[in-house]
Every structure is written in structure tokens, then in C-alpha cells.
């Protein structure tokens, strides 16, 4: 079954949790690297989603549908 895509808000919340975990002193170097890697994947998904919306807005403006 296909996994439902997270909303931007959910992704931002997950990023905040990762940041909080990275700031903990007891996190090992290996765990820090894994958290960082996961955070970068989430950040890329967020950037891709935002880029997609921006492109759609540009198309709407060019077509005159945004008035």
C-alpha cells in the first residue's frame, strides 16, 4: 500500500523533533549523523513541495487565472 505523503506542516514538525534530538548532549555521533541525514531528506522534500507550488503559481499568473 502506498504511503500517504506528509503535509509541509507535518514535515516541519518532524524537522523540529530532529533538531531537538540533535541538541541533546547524550546523542552519539552515529545517531547525530543518522538524524542529520533524515533531516536533510525531509528538508529536500519540503523544498521540492514549495518549488512545485511556486511553479504552479507562476503558471496561473501567466495564464491570467490568478486575478
Protein backbone atom coordinates (compact mmCIF):
# COMPACT_ATOMS: atom_id res chain seq x y z
CA UNK A 1 0.00 0.00 0.00
CA UNK A 2 1.35 3.45 -0.90
CA UNK A 3 2.36 5.69 1.97
CA UNK A 4 0.42 8.94 2.18
CA UNK A 5 2.63 11.96 1.61
CA UNK A 6 3.19 14.17 4.64
CA UNK A 7 1.95 17.75 4.67
CA UNK A 8 4.50 20.53 4.95
CA UNK A 9 3.33 21.20 8.48
CA UNK A 10 3.94 17.58 9.47
CA UNK A 11 7.37 17.67 7.86
CA UNK A 12 8.27 20.88 9.70
CA UNK A 13 7.17 19.31 12.98
CA UNK A 14 9.31 16.28 12.27
CA UNK A 15 12.26 18.57 11.49
CA UNK A 16 11.74 20.35 14.82
CA UNK A 17 11.84 16.99 16.61
CA UNK A 18 15.06 16.07 14.83
CA UNK A 19 16.63 19.39 15.79
CA UNK A 20 15.60 18.89 19.41
CA UNK A 21 17.19 15.44 19.39
CA UNK A 22 20.38 16.77 17.81
CA UNK A 23 20.68 19.36 20.56
CA UNK A 24 20.73 16.71 23.28
CA UNK A 25 24.17 16.17 24.74
CA UNK A 26 23.79 12.42 25.13
CA UNK A 27 23.25 11.78 21.40
CA UNK A 28 26.07 9.71 19.94
CA UNK A 29 27.96 10.75 16.84
CA UNK A 30 26.40 7.91 14.86
CA UNK A 31 22.88 8.89 15.97
CA UNK A 32 23.62 12.53 15.19
CA UNK A 33 24.68 11.58 11.68
CA UNK A 34 21.53 9.47 11.16
CA UNK A 35 19.32 12.30 12.45
CA UNK A 36 21.10 14.81 10.22
CA UNK A 37 20.69 12.55 7.20
CA UNK A 38 16.97 12.07 7.90
CA UNK A 39 16.53 15.81 8.41
CA UNK A 40 18.18 16.56 5.08
CA UNK A 41 15.84 14.12 3.29
CA UNK A 42 12.82 15.81 4.88
CA UNK A 43 14.18 19.26 4.03
CA UNK A 44 14.62 18.25 0.39
CA UNK A 45 11.01 17.02 0.25
CA UNK A 46 9.86 20.34 1.73
CA UNK A 47 11.90 22.34 -0.78
CA UNK A 48 10.56 20.24 -3.65
CA UNK A 49 6.96 20.76 -2.50
CA UNK A 50 7.46 24.52 -2.14
CA UNK A 51 9.11 24.72 -5.57
CA UNK A 52 6.17 22.85 -7.09
CA UNK A 53 3.66 25.30 -5.60
CA UNK A 54 5.74 28.28 -6.75
CA UNK A 55 5.83 26.93 -10.31
CA UNK A 56 2.07 26.37 -10.27
CA UNK A 57 1.56 29.97 -9.12
CA UNK A 58 3.77 31.27 -11.93
CA UNK A 59 1.75 29.28 -14.46
CA UNK A 60 -1.52 30.63 -13.04
CA UNK A 61 -0.21 34.20 -13.21
CA UNK A 62 0.99 33.73 -16.81
CA UNK A 63 -2.39 32.31 -17.84
CA UNK A 64 -4.28 35.15 -16.19
CA UNK A 65 -6.05 32.75 -13.85
CA UNK A 66 -4.75 34.50 -10.74
CA UNK A 67 -6.88 37.61 -10.71
